[in-house]
């Protein structure tokens, strides 16, 4: 059985949630984390209903949601095993009888890897399952709802128009009339052409 730990934030809801249920080393049963601190956590026993502080220097808090169980295929979450136990019509076994424990799980969850999942693990799962059921803790995994995305028709059409813009007809070029050269006036000609001096006749 694989166990992962993480730090929980202070509880805001009064409802008992599966993601706040932990097992604590050295202490029997299951606990709900009321609030977490840098040096430990305040927990409430699901069986005795008592609240106390546990030091992280002495105890390790193992969150049930992060626990995985060995199977002959891929590892599965502990919640998956609980779900199979709830769906099973087989009566829960005596936790003191190792043979009865194995026989029960062979029917309830036959894919368990019994070479790596020990009798002590099977015993814990049965006890934890009973405690969760007594406290009506919902351990089922809720599927994430996918939000439907609706694309506006107007925007879609606009995008298509942008991708394939209509070809514009070439604009006709209009010839601009050339400016007529102004004819020089007589005065201008006289200014441009200086008069030649007349030769005096010699007698």
N, C-alpha and C. Protein backbone atom coordinates (compact mmCIF):
# COMPACT_ATOMS: atom_id res chain seq x y z
N UNK A 1 0.85 -1.18 0.00
CA UNK A 1 0.00 0.00 0.00
C UNK A 1 0.89 1.24 0.00
N UNK A 2 0.60 2.16 -0.90
CA UNK A 2 1.40 3.37 -1.02
C UNK A 2 0.70 4.51 -0.31
N UNK A 3 1.48 5.33 0.39
CA UNK A 3 0.91 6.43 1.16
C UNK A 3 1.62 7.72 0.80
N UNK A 4 0.85 8.75 0.48
CA UNK A 4 1.38 10.07 0.23
C UNK A 4 0.79 11.02 1.25
N UNK A 5 1.56 12.07 1.61
CA UNK A 5 1.09 13.03 2.59
C UNK A 5 1.14 14.43 2.00
N UNK A 6 0.24 15.27 2.48
CA UNK A 6 0.31 16.68 2.11
C UNK A 6 -0.31 17.51 3.21
N UNK A 7 -0.01 18.81 3.21
CA UNK A 7 -0.47 19.71 4.26
C UNK A 7 -1.87 20.21 3.92
N UNK A 8 -2.77 20.15 4.89
CA UNK A 8 -4.13 20.60 4.70
C UNK A 8 -4.29 22.03 5.19
N UNK A 9 -5.21 22.74 4.57
CA UNK A 9 -5.51 24.10 4.99
C UNK A 9 -6.65 24.07 6.01
N UNK A 10 -6.84 25.14 6.77
CA UNK A 10 -7.91 25.17 7.76
C UNK A 10 -9.26 24.88 7.13
N UNK A 11 -10.10 24.19 7.87
CA UNK A 11 -11.40 23.78 7.37
C UNK A 11 -12.38 24.93 7.43
N UNK A 12 -13.11 25.14 6.34
CA UNK A 12 -14.11 26.18 6.28
C UNK A 12 -15.52 25.61 6.38
N UNK A 13 -15.70 24.39 5.92
CA UNK A 13 -17.02 23.78 5.92
C UNK A 13 -17.22 22.94 7.17
N UNK A 14 -18.47 22.88 7.62
CA UNK A 14 -18.80 22.08 8.79
C UNK A 14 -19.03 20.62 8.42
N UNK A 15 -19.23 20.32 7.15
CA UNK A 15 -19.47 18.95 6.71
C UNK A 15 -18.16 18.16 6.74
N UNK A 16 -18.30 16.89 7.07
CA UNK A 16 -17.12 16.02 7.09
C UNK A 16 -16.83 15.55 5.68
N UNK A 17 -15.67 15.91 5.17
CA UNK A 17 -15.32 15.60 3.79
C UNK A 17 -14.22 14.55 3.74
N UNK A 18 -14.29 13.72 2.71
CA UNK A 18 -13.32 12.63 2.57
C UNK A 18 -11.90 13.14 2.41
N UNK A 19 -11.75 14.29 1.76
CA UNK A 19 -10.39 14.80 1.54
C UNK A 19 -9.75 15.38 2.80
N UNK A 20 -10.45 15.29 3.94
CA UNK A 20 -9.89 15.75 5.21
C UNK A 20 -9.71 14.60 6.20
N UNK A 21 -9.96 13.38 5.76
CA UNK A 21 -9.85 12.22 6.64
C UNK A 21 -8.43 11.66 6.55
N UNK A 22 -7.83 11.42 7.71
CA UNK A 22 -6.45 10.94 7.75
C UNK A 22 -6.32 9.78 8.73
N UNK A 23 -5.29 8.97 8.49
CA UNK A 23 -4.84 7.97 9.46
C UNK A 23 -3.55 8.49 10.07
N UNK A 24 -3.37 8.28 11.35
CA UNK A 24 -2.21 8.82 12.06
C UNK A 24 -1.39 7.67 12.64
N UNK A 25 -0.10 7.69 12.36
CA UNK A 25 0.78 6.64 12.88
C UNK A 25 0.81 6.68 14.41
N UNK A 26 0.70 5.48 15.00
CA UNK A 26 0.73 5.38 16.44
C UNK A 26 -0.61 5.59 17.11
N UNK A 27 -1.66 5.96 16.32
CA UNK A 27 -2.99 6.17 16.87
C UNK A 27 -4.01 5.32 16.09
N UNK A 28 -4.91 4.64 16.76
CA UNK A 28 -5.90 3.81 16.06
C UNK A 28 -7.02 4.65 15.45
N UNK A 29 -7.69 4.08 14.47
CA UNK A 29 -8.86 4.74 13.89
C UNK A 29 -8.53 5.79 12.85
N UNK A 30 -9.56 6.57 12.52
CA UNK A 30 -9.44 7.64 11.53
C UNK A 30 -9.76 8.97 12.19
N UNK A 31 -9.23 10.04 11.57
CA UNK A 31 -9.40 11.37 12.13
C UNK A 31 -9.73 12.37 11.02
N UNK A 32 -10.45 13.40 11.43
CA UNK A 32 -10.74 14.51 10.53
C UNK A 32 -9.85 15.68 10.91
N UNK A 33 -9.18 16.26 9.93
CA UNK A 33 -8.31 17.40 10.20
C UNK A 33 -9.17 18.65 10.35
N UNK A 34 -9.11 19.26 11.53
CA UNK A 34 -9.86 20.48 11.78
C UNK A 34 -9.07 21.68 11.27
N UNK A 35 -7.78 21.72 11.58
CA UNK A 35 -6.90 22.77 11.08
C UNK A 35 -5.47 22.27 11.16
N UNK A 36 -4.63 22.81 10.29
CA UNK A 36 -3.23 22.41 10.25
C UNK A 36 -2.34 23.55 10.71
N UNK A 37 -1.20 23.18 11.32
CA UNK A 37 -0.23 24.15 11.78
C UNK A 37 1.16 23.75 11.28
N UNK A 38 2.12 24.61 11.50
CA UNK A 38 3.47 24.33 11.01
C UNK A 38 4.09 23.14 11.72
N UNK A 39 3.70 22.92 12.98
CA UNK A 39 4.30 21.83 13.76
C UNK A 39 3.35 20.67 14.00
N UNK A 40 2.21 20.65 13.29
CA UNK A 40 1.26 19.56 13.47
C UNK A 40 -0.12 19.93 13.00
N UNK A 41 -1.13 19.30 13.63
CA UNK A 41 -2.51 19.56 13.22
C UNK A 41 -3.46 19.27 14.37
N UNK A 42 -4.60 19.94 14.34
CA UNK A 42 -5.68 19.66 15.28
C UNK A 42 -6.65 18.71 14.59
N UNK A 43 -6.90 17.56 15.19
CA UNK A 43 -7.71 16.52 14.55
C UNK A 43 -8.86 16.12 15.49
N UNK A 44 -9.91 15.56 14.85
CA UNK A 44 -11.06 15.07 15.60
C UNK A 44 -11.25 13.59 15.27
N UNK A 45 -11.37 12.76 16.27
CA UNK A 45 -11.56 11.33 16.08
C UNK A 45 -12.95 11.04 15.53
N UNK A 46 -13.03 10.21 14.49
CA UNK A 46 -14.33 9.85 13.92
C UNK A 46 -15.09 8.87 14.80
N UNK A 47 -14.39 8.20 15.72
CA UNK A 47 -15.05 7.22 16.59
C UNK A 47 -15.35 7.81 17.96
N UNK A 48 -14.36 8.43 18.56
CA UNK A 48 -14.54 8.97 19.91
C UNK A 48 -15.11 10.39 19.90
N UNK A 49 -15.04 11.07 18.75
CA UNK A 49 -15.54 12.45 18.60
C UNK A 49 -14.79 13.44 19.48
N UNK A 50 -13.56 13.11 19.85
CA UNK A 50 -12.73 14.01 20.66
C UNK A 50 -11.74 14.74 19.76
N UNK A 51 -11.36 15.93 20.19
CA UNK A 51 -10.43 16.76 19.42
C UNK A 51 -9.12 16.92 20.19
N UNK A 52 -8.00 16.83 19.45
CA UNK A 52 -6.70 17.00 20.10
C UNK A 52 -5.67 17.44 19.07
N UNK A 53 -4.52 17.86 19.59
CA UNK A 53 -3.41 18.29 18.74
C UNK A 53 -2.42 17.14 18.59
N UNK A 54 -1.96 16.90 17.37
CA UNK A 54 -0.94 15.89 17.11
C UNK A 54 0.28 16.58 16.51
N UNK A 55 1.43 16.26 17.04
CA UNK A 55 2.67 16.89 16.59
C UNK A 55 3.23 16.14 15.38
N UNK A 56 3.68 16.90 14.38
CA UNK A 56 4.27 16.30 13.19
C UNK A 56 5.66 15.72 13.48
N UNK A 57 6.23 16.06 14.63
CA UNK A 57 7.53 15.51 15.01
C UNK A 57 7.39 14.08 15.53
N UNK A 58 6.21 13.75 16.01
CA UNK A 58 5.98 12.43 16.59
C UNK A 58 5.15 11.54 15.67
N UNK A 59 4.17 12.15 15.01
CA UNK A 59 3.23 11.37 14.18
C UNK A 59 3.31 11.80 12.72
N UNK A 60 2.94 10.86 11.86
CA UNK A 60 2.77 11.14 10.44
C UNK A 60 1.29 11.04 10.09
N UNK A 61 0.78 12.05 9.38
CA UNK A 61 -0.61 12.05 8.94
C UNK A 61 -0.69 11.55 7.51
N UNK A 62 -1.43 10.48 7.31
CA UNK A 62 -1.59 9.89 5.97
C UNK A 62 -3.01 10.14 5.49
N UNK A 63 -3.11 10.92 4.47
CA UNK A 63 -4.43 11.29 3.93
C UNK A 63 -5.01 10.14 3.12
N UNK A 64 -6.25 9.74 3.42
CA UNK A 64 -6.84 8.59 2.73
C UNK A 64 -6.97 8.82 1.23
N UNK A 65 -7.23 10.05 0.86
CA UNK A 65 -7.42 10.36 -0.56
C UNK A 65 -6.15 10.12 -1.37
N UNK A 66 -5.00 10.17 -0.71
CA UNK A 66 -3.72 10.01 -1.41
C UNK A 66 -3.18 8.59 -1.36
N UNK A 67 -3.91 7.67 -0.73
CA UNK A 67 -3.43 6.30 -0.58
C UNK A 67 -3.80 5.49 -1.81
N UNK A 68 -2.84 4.73 -2.31
CA UNK A 68 -3.07 3.83 -3.44
C UNK A 68 -2.82 2.39 -3.00
N UNK A 69 -3.49 1.47 -3.67
CA UNK A 69 -3.40 0.05 -3.31
C UNK A 69 -2.83 -0.72 -4.50
N UNK A 70 -1.93 -1.67 -4.21
CA UNK A 70 -1.34 -2.49 -5.26
C UNK A 70 -2.38 -3.46 -5.83
N UNK A 71 -2.39 -3.56 -7.16
CA UNK A 71 -3.21 -4.56 -7.83
C UNK A 71 -2.33 -5.30 -8.84
N UNK A 72 -2.88 -6.30 -9.49
CA UNK A 72 -2.12 -7.05 -10.50
C UNK A 72 -1.94 -6.20 -11.75
N UNK A 73 -2.65 -5.10 -11.83
CA UNK A 73 -2.51 -4.16 -12.96
C UNK A 73 -1.91 -2.87 -12.43
N UNK A 74 -2.55 -1.74 -12.71
CA UNK A 74 -2.08 -0.46 -12.19
C UNK A 74 -2.60 -0.26 -10.77
N UNK A 75 -1.91 0.58 -10.02
CA UNK A 75 -2.38 0.90 -8.68
C UNK A 75 -3.72 1.62 -8.75
N UNK A 76 -4.55 1.39 -7.74
CA UNK A 76 -5.85 2.04 -7.68
C UNK A 76 -5.95 2.83 -6.37
N UNK A 77 -6.84 3.79 -6.34
CA UNK A 77 -7.02 4.58 -5.12
C UNK A 77 -7.77 3.75 -4.09
N UNK A 78 -7.59 4.11 -2.84
CA UNK A 78 -8.27 3.43 -1.75
C UNK A 78 -9.79 3.58 -1.88
N UNK A 79 -10.21 4.72 -2.42
CA UNK A 79 -11.65 4.96 -2.61
C UNK A 79 -12.26 3.96 -3.59
N UNK A 80 -11.47 3.52 -4.59
CA UNK A 80 -11.96 2.52 -5.53
C UNK A 80 -12.24 1.19 -4.82
N UNK A 81 -11.37 0.83 -3.90
CA UNK A 81 -11.57 -0.41 -3.14
C UNK A 81 -12.79 -0.28 -2.24
N UNK A 82 -12.95 0.88 -1.60
CA UNK A 82 -14.13 1.11 -0.77
C UNK A 82 -15.41 0.99 -1.60
N UNK A 83 -15.37 1.53 -2.80
CA UNK A 83 -16.54 1.45 -3.66
C UNK A 83 -16.90 0.01 -4.01
N UNK A 84 -15.85 -0.81 -4.27
CA UNK A 84 -16.09 -2.23 -4.58
C UNK A 84 -16.63 -2.96 -3.35
N UNK A 85 -16.15 -2.58 -2.17
CA UNK A 85 -16.63 -3.21 -0.95
C UNK A 85 -18.10 -2.88 -0.71
N UNK A 86 -18.48 -1.64 -1.01
CA UNK A 86 -19.88 -1.24 -0.83
C UNK A 86 -20.79 -1.95 -1.83
N UNK A 87 -20.28 -2.15 -3.05
CA UNK A 87 -21.08 -2.82 -4.08
C UNK A 87 -21.15 -4.33 -3.87
N UNK A 88 -20.19 -4.87 -3.11
CA UNK A 88 -20.15 -6.31 -2.88
C UNK A 88 -21.28 -6.74 -1.92
N UNK A 89 -21.87 -7.90 -2.21
CA UNK A 89 -22.94 -8.43 -1.36
C UNK A 89 -22.38 -9.36 -0.28
N UNK A 90 -21.06 -9.53 -0.29
CA UNK A 90 -20.43 -10.40 0.70
C UNK A 90 -20.34 -9.70 2.04
N UNK A 91 -20.61 -10.41 3.11
CA UNK A 91 -20.56 -9.86 4.45
C UNK A 91 -19.11 -9.55 4.82
N UNK A 92 -18.95 -8.45 5.56
CA UNK A 92 -17.60 -8.07 5.99
C UNK A 92 -17.02 -9.14 6.90
N UNK A 93 -15.72 -9.44 6.72
CA UNK A 93 -15.12 -10.53 7.48
C UNK A 93 -14.69 -10.10 8.88
N UNK A 94 -14.34 -11.07 9.67
CA UNK A 94 -13.76 -10.82 11.00
C UNK A 94 -12.32 -10.37 10.79
N UNK A 95 -11.97 -9.19 11.29
CA UNK A 95 -10.63 -8.65 11.05
C UNK A 95 -9.54 -9.45 11.76
N UNK A 96 -9.91 -10.31 12.67
CA UNK A 96 -8.92 -11.14 13.38
C UNK A 96 -8.59 -12.42 12.61
N UNK A 97 -9.37 -12.70 11.58
CA UNK A 97 -9.18 -13.93 10.80
C UNK A 97 -8.54 -13.57 9.46
N UNK A 98 -7.24 -13.86 9.30
CA UNK A 98 -6.52 -13.50 8.08
C UNK A 98 -7.06 -14.24 6.86
N UNK A 99 -7.43 -15.52 7.02
CA UNK A 99 -7.97 -16.28 5.90
C UNK A 99 -9.31 -15.71 5.44
N UNK A 100 -10.13 -15.31 6.40
CA UNK A 100 -11.43 -14.72 6.06
C UNK A 100 -11.25 -13.38 5.37
N UNK A 101 -10.24 -12.62 5.77
CA UNK A 101 -9.94 -11.33 5.13
C UNK A 101 -9.58 -11.52 3.66
N UNK A 102 -8.67 -12.45 3.41
CA UNK A 102 -8.24 -12.68 2.04
C UNK A 102 -9.38 -13.23 1.19
N UNK A 103 -10.15 -14.14 1.76
CA UNK A 103 -11.29 -14.71 1.03
C UNK A 103 -12.31 -13.64 0.67
N UNK A 104 -12.52 -12.70 1.58
CA UNK A 104 -13.47 -11.61 1.31
C UNK A 104 -13.01 -10.74 0.16
N UNK A 105 -11.74 -10.31 0.18
CA UNK A 105 -11.25 -9.41 -0.85
C UNK A 105 -11.06 -10.13 -2.19
N UNK A 106 -10.87 -11.42 -2.18
CA UNK A 106 -10.82 -12.17 -3.43
C UNK A 106 -12.15 -12.10 -4.17
N UNK A 107 -13.23 -11.89 -3.42
CA UNK A 107 -14.55 -11.75 -4.03
C UNK A 107 -14.88 -10.27 -4.28
N UNK A 108 -14.57 -9.44 -3.31
CA UNK A 108 -14.92 -8.02 -3.42
C UNK A 108 -14.03 -7.29 -4.41
N UNK A 109 -12.73 -7.57 -4.38
CA UNK A 109 -11.77 -6.92 -5.30
C UNK A 109 -10.70 -7.94 -5.67
N UNK A 110 -10.99 -8.82 -6.61
CA UNK A 110 -10.06 -9.92 -6.94
C UNK A 110 -8.75 -9.47 -7.58
N UNK A 111 -8.69 -8.22 -8.09
CA UNK A 111 -7.47 -7.73 -8.75
C UNK A 111 -6.39 -7.30 -7.77
N UNK A 112 -6.66 -7.34 -6.48
CA UNK A 112 -5.63 -6.95 -5.51
C UNK A 112 -4.41 -7.86 -5.63
N UNK A 113 -3.23 -7.26 -5.47
CA UNK A 113 -1.99 -8.02 -5.48
C UNK A 113 -1.73 -8.51 -4.05
N UNK A 114 -2.16 -9.72 -3.74
CA UNK A 114 -2.10 -10.21 -2.37
C UNK A 114 -0.67 -10.53 -1.92
N UNK A 115 0.28 -10.50 -2.85
CA UNK A 115 1.67 -10.70 -2.45
C UNK A 115 2.26 -9.41 -1.86
N UNK A 116 1.72 -8.27 -2.26
CA UNK A 116 2.22 -6.98 -1.76
C UNK A 116 1.24 -6.30 -0.82
N UNK A 117 -0.03 -6.68 -0.86
CA UNK A 117 -1.01 -6.16 0.09
C UNK A 117 -1.14 -7.18 1.21
N UNK A 118 -0.66 -6.82 2.38
CA UNK A 118 -0.58 -7.78 3.48
C UNK A 118 -1.90 -7.85 4.26
N UNK A 119 -1.95 -8.83 5.12
CA UNK A 119 -3.15 -9.01 5.95
C UNK A 119 -3.42 -7.79 6.82
N UNK A 120 -2.35 -7.14 7.29
CA UNK A 120 -2.51 -5.92 8.09
C UNK A 120 -3.17 -4.81 7.28
N UNK A 121 -2.85 -4.75 5.98
CA UNK A 121 -3.47 -3.76 5.11
C UNK A 121 -4.95 -4.08 4.89
N UNK A 122 -5.26 -5.35 4.70
CA UNK A 122 -6.65 -5.76 4.50
C UNK A 122 -7.47 -5.45 5.75
N UNK A 123 -6.86 -5.67 6.91
CA UNK A 123 -7.53 -5.39 8.18
C UNK A 123 -7.84 -3.90 8.30
N UNK A 124 -6.87 -3.04 7.95
CA UNK A 124 -7.08 -1.60 8.02
C UNK A 124 -8.20 -1.16 7.09
N UNK A 125 -8.23 -1.70 5.88
CA UNK A 125 -9.24 -1.29 4.91
C UNK A 125 -10.64 -1.64 5.39
N UNK A 126 -10.81 -2.80 6.02
CA UNK A 126 -12.11 -3.17 6.54
C UNK A 126 -12.53 -2.24 7.68
N UNK A 127 -11.62 -1.97 8.61
CA UNK A 127 -11.92 -1.09 9.73
C UNK A 127 -12.22 0.33 9.26
N UNK A 128 -11.39 0.84 8.35
CA UNK A 128 -11.60 2.18 7.84
C UNK A 128 -12.93 2.30 7.10
N UNK A 129 -13.26 1.26 6.33
CA UNK A 129 -14.53 1.27 5.59
C UNK A 129 -15.71 1.35 6.56
N UNK A 130 -15.65 0.59 7.63
CA UNK A 130 -16.73 0.61 8.62
C UNK A 130 -16.88 1.99 9.27
N UNK A 131 -15.76 2.62 9.58
CA UNK A 131 -15.80 3.94 10.21
C UNK A 131 -16.38 4.98 9.26
N UNK A 132 -15.97 4.94 8.00
CA UNK A 132 -16.47 5.89 7.01
C UNK A 132 -17.97 5.71 6.81
N UNK A 133 -18.44 4.48 6.77
CA UNK A 133 -19.86 4.22 6.60
C UNK A 133 -20.66 4.69 7.81
N UNK A 134 -20.12 4.50 8.99
CA UNK A 134 -20.82 4.92 10.20
C UNK A 134 -20.94 6.44 10.27
N UNK A 135 -19.95 7.14 9.74
CA UNK A 135 -19.96 8.61 9.75
C UNK A 135 -20.54 9.21 8.47
N UNK A 136 -21.01 8.35 7.58
CA UNK A 136 -21.64 8.79 6.32
C UNK A 136 -20.72 9.71 5.52
N UNK A 137 -19.47 9.33 5.44
CA UNK A 137 -18.50 10.10 4.65
C UNK A 137 -18.58 9.64 3.20
N UNK A 138 -18.74 10.59 2.29
CA UNK A 138 -18.83 10.27 0.87
C UNK A 138 -17.42 10.17 0.30
N UNK A 139 -17.00 8.94 -0.02
CA UNK A 139 -15.65 8.72 -0.55
C UNK A 139 -15.67 8.45 -2.05
N UNK A 140 -16.82 8.55 -2.68
CA UNK A 140 -16.90 8.29 -4.12
C UNK A 140 -16.20 9.41 -4.89
N UNK A 141 -15.55 9.02 -5.97
CA UNK A 141 -14.84 9.99 -6.81
C UNK A 141 -15.84 10.62 -7.76
N UNK A 142 -15.96 11.94 -7.66
CA UNK A 142 -16.92 12.65 -8.51
C UNK A 142 -16.26 13.03 -9.82
N UNK A 143 -16.87 12.65 -10.96
CA UNK A 143 -16.27 13.02 -12.25
C UNK A 143 -16.37 14.50 -12.50
N UNK A 144 -15.37 15.04 -13.15
CA UNK A 144 -15.35 16.46 -13.47
C UNK A 144 -16.28 16.74 -14.63
N UNK A 145 -17.14 17.74 -14.44
CA UNK A 145 -18.09 18.09 -15.49
C UNK A 145 -17.42 18.99 -16.51
N UNK A 146 -17.63 18.62 -17.77
CA UNK A 146 -17.06 19.42 -18.86
C UNK A 146 -18.06 20.48 -19.27
N UNK A 147 -17.60 21.70 -19.32
CA UNK A 147 -18.47 22.80 -19.70
C UNK A 147 -18.61 22.84 -21.21
N UNK A 148 -19.88 22.92 -21.63
CA UNK A 148 -20.15 22.98 -23.07
C UNK A 148 -19.81 24.37 -23.58
N UNK A 149 -19.07 24.43 -24.64
CA UNK A 149 -18.65 25.70 -25.22
C UNK A 149 -19.45 25.94 -26.48
N UNK A 150 -20.24 27.00 -26.48
CA UNK A 150 -21.06 27.34 -27.64
C UNK A 150 -20.40 28.49 -28.38
N UNK A 151 -20.21 28.29 -29.67
CA UNK A 151 -19.59 29.32 -30.49
C UNK A 151 -20.67 30.15 -31.15
N UNK A 152 -20.69 31.45 -30.97
CA UNK A 152 -21.69 32.29 -31.63
C UNK A 152 -21.58 32.17 -33.13
N UNK A 153 -22.76 32.11 -33.78
CA UNK A 153 -22.79 31.95 -35.24
C UNK A 153 -22.20 33.18 -35.91
N UNK A 154 -22.55 34.35 -35.39
CA UNK A 154 -22.09 35.59 -36.02
C UNK A 154 -20.57 35.66 -36.02
N UNK A 155 -19.95 35.27 -34.90
CA UNK A 155 -18.49 35.32 -34.82
C UNK A 155 -17.85 34.32 -35.75
N UNK A 156 -18.48 33.13 -35.88
CA UNK A 156 -17.93 32.10 -36.76
C UNK A 156 -17.94 32.57 -38.20
N UNK A 157 -19.08 33.17 -38.59
CA UNK A 157 -19.18 33.67 -39.97
C UNK A 157 -18.18 34.77 -40.20
N UNK A 158 -18.02 35.64 -39.20
CA UNK A 158 -17.08 36.74 -39.35
C UNK A 158 -15.66 36.24 -39.53
N UNK A 159 -15.31 35.16 -38.80
CA UNK A 159 -13.98 34.59 -38.93
C UNK A 159 -13.76 34.02 -40.31
N UNK A 160 -14.82 33.37 -40.88
CA UNK A 160 -14.69 32.80 -42.22
C UNK A 160 -14.48 33.89 -43.25
N UNK A 161 -15.18 35.02 -43.06
CA UNK A 161 -15.03 36.12 -44.00
C UNK A 161 -13.62 36.69 -43.94
N UNK A 162 -13.08 36.75 -42.72
CA UNK A 162 -11.71 37.26 -42.56
C UNK A 162 -10.70 36.35 -43.22
N UNK A 163 -10.96 35.05 -43.13
CA UNK A 163 -10.01 34.10 -43.72
C UNK A 163 -10.04 34.15 -45.24
N UNK A 164 -11.22 34.34 -45.85
CA UNK A 164 -11.33 34.37 -47.30
C UNK A 164 -11.98 35.68 -47.71
N UNK A 165 -11.26 36.79 -47.77
CA UNK A 165 -11.84 38.09 -48.13
C UNK A 165 -12.24 38.13 -49.60
N UNK A 166 -13.33 38.82 -49.90
CA UNK A 166 -13.81 38.91 -51.28
C UNK A 166 -12.86 39.75 -52.10
N UNK A 167 -12.69 39.33 -53.37
CA UNK A 167 -11.79 40.05 -54.28
C UNK A 167 -12.49 41.29 -54.81
N UNK A 168 -11.85 42.42 -54.72
CA UNK A 168 -12.42 43.68 -55.21
C UNK A 168 -12.02 43.88 -56.67
N UNK A 169 -12.98 44.42 -57.45
CA UNK A 169 -12.71 44.71 -58.86
C UNK A 169 -11.68 45.83 -58.95
N UNK A 170 -10.74 45.68 -59.90
CA UNK A 170 -9.71 46.73 -60.00
C UNK A 170 -10.31 48.08 -60.37
N UNK A 171 -9.90 49.08 -59.72
CA UNK A 171 -10.44 50.43 -59.98
C UNK A 171 -9.93 50.95 -61.31
N UNK A 172 -10.85 51.59 -62.08
CA UNK A 172 -10.48 52.13 -63.39
C UNK A 172 -9.67 53.40 -63.20
N UNK A 173 -8.61 53.45 -63.93
CA UNK A 173 -7.76 54.63 -63.85
C UNK A 173 -8.28 55.71 -64.78
N UNK A 174 -8.48 56.85 -64.27
CA UNK A 174 -8.95 57.98 -65.07
C UNK A 174 -7.75 58.83 -65.45
N UNK A 175 -7.65 59.06 -66.77
CA UNK A 175 -6.50 59.83 -67.25
C UNK A 175 -6.70 61.30 -66.91
N UNK A 176 -5.74 61.82 -66.28
CA UNK A 176 -5.80 63.24 -65.94
C UNK A 176 -5.40 64.08 -67.15
N UNK A 177 -6.18 65.10 -67.46
CA UNK A 177 -5.82 65.94 -68.63
C UNK A 177 -4.49 66.65 -68.41
N UNK A 178 -3.67 66.55 -69.44
CA UNK A 178 -2.37 67.18 -69.34
C UNK A 178 -2.50 68.69 -69.41
N UNK A 179 -1.77 69.35 -68.61
CA UNK A 179 -1.83 70.82 -68.61
C UNK A 179 -1.23 71.36 -69.89
N UNK A 180 -1.99 72.24 -70.59
CA UNK A 180 -1.52 72.80 -71.86
C UNK A 180 -0.42 73.83 -71.60
N UNK A 181 0.57 73.71 -72.41
CA UNK A 181 1.67 74.67 -72.28
C UNK A 181 1.21 76.04 -72.77
N UNK A 182 1.42 77.00 -71.99
CA UNK A 182 0.98 78.35 -72.36
C UNK A 182 1.93 78.92 -73.43
N UNK A 183 1.33 79.50 -74.46
CA UNK A 183 2.12 80.10 -75.53
C UNK A 183 2.73 81.40 -75.04
N UNK A 184 3.99 81.58 -75.31
CA UNK A 184 4.61 82.83 -74.86
C UNK A 184 4.02 84.04 -75.55
N UNK A 185 3.81 85.08 -74.87
CA UNK A 185 3.25 86.31 -75.44
C UNK A 185 4.33 87.04 -76.23
N UNK A 186 3.93 88.06 -76.95
CA UNK A 186 4.86 88.84 -77.76
C UNK A 186 5.90 89.52 -76.90
N UNK A 187 5.42 89.97 -75.73
CA UNK A 187 6.35 90.65 -74.83
C UNK A 187 7.39 89.67 -74.33
N UNK A 188 6.94 88.46 -74.14
CA UNK A 188 7.89 87.47 -73.66
C UNK A 188 8.90 87.15 -74.72
N UNK A 189 8.42 87.10 -76.00
CA UNK A 189 9.36 86.81 -77.08
C UNK A 189 10.40 87.92 -77.18
N UNK A 190 9.95 89.13 -77.03
CA UNK A 190 10.88 90.23 -77.14
C UNK A 190 11.87 90.21 -76.00
N UNK A 191 11.40 89.74 -74.84
CA UNK A 191 12.32 89.69 -73.73
C UNK A 191 13.31 88.54 -73.90
N UNK A 192 12.83 87.49 -74.51
CA UNK A 192 13.71 86.34 -74.66
C UNK A 192 14.71 86.59 -75.79
N UNK A 193 14.25 87.24 -76.89
CA UNK A 193 15.14 87.47 -78.03
C UNK A 193 15.58 88.94 -78.03
N UNK A 194 16.77 89.21 -77.62
CA UNK A 194 17.24 90.62 -77.62
C UNK A 194 17.42 91.13 -79.04
N UNK A 195 17.12 92.40 -79.24
CA UNK A 195 17.23 92.96 -80.58
C UNK A 195 18.69 93.18 -80.94
N UNK A 196 18.98 92.85 -82.18
CA UNK A 196 20.33 93.04 -82.67
C UNK A 196 20.55 94.52 -83.02
N UNK A 197 21.68 95.08 -82.71
CA UNK A 197 21.93 96.51 -83.05
C UNK A 197 22.05 96.68 -84.57
N UNK A 198 21.42 97.76 -85.06
CA UNK A 198 21.45 98.01 -86.50
C UNK A 198 22.81 98.60 -86.90
N UNK A 199 23.25 98.11 -88.04
CA UNK A 199 24.52 98.62 -88.56
C UNK A 199 24.32 99.96 -89.28
N UNK A 200 25.18 100.89 -88.93
CA UNK A 200 25.11 102.20 -89.60
C UNK A 200 25.68 102.10 -90.99
N UNK A 201 24.96 102.78 -91.90
CA UNK A 201 25.45 102.77 -93.29
C UNK A 201 26.62 103.73 -93.42
N UNK A 202 27.59 103.29 -94.12
CA UNK A 202 28.76 104.13 -94.37
C UNK A 202 28.60 104.75 -95.71
N UNK A 203 28.98 105.99 -95.75
CA UNK A 203 28.84 106.69 -97.01
C UNK A 203 30.07 106.44 -97.84
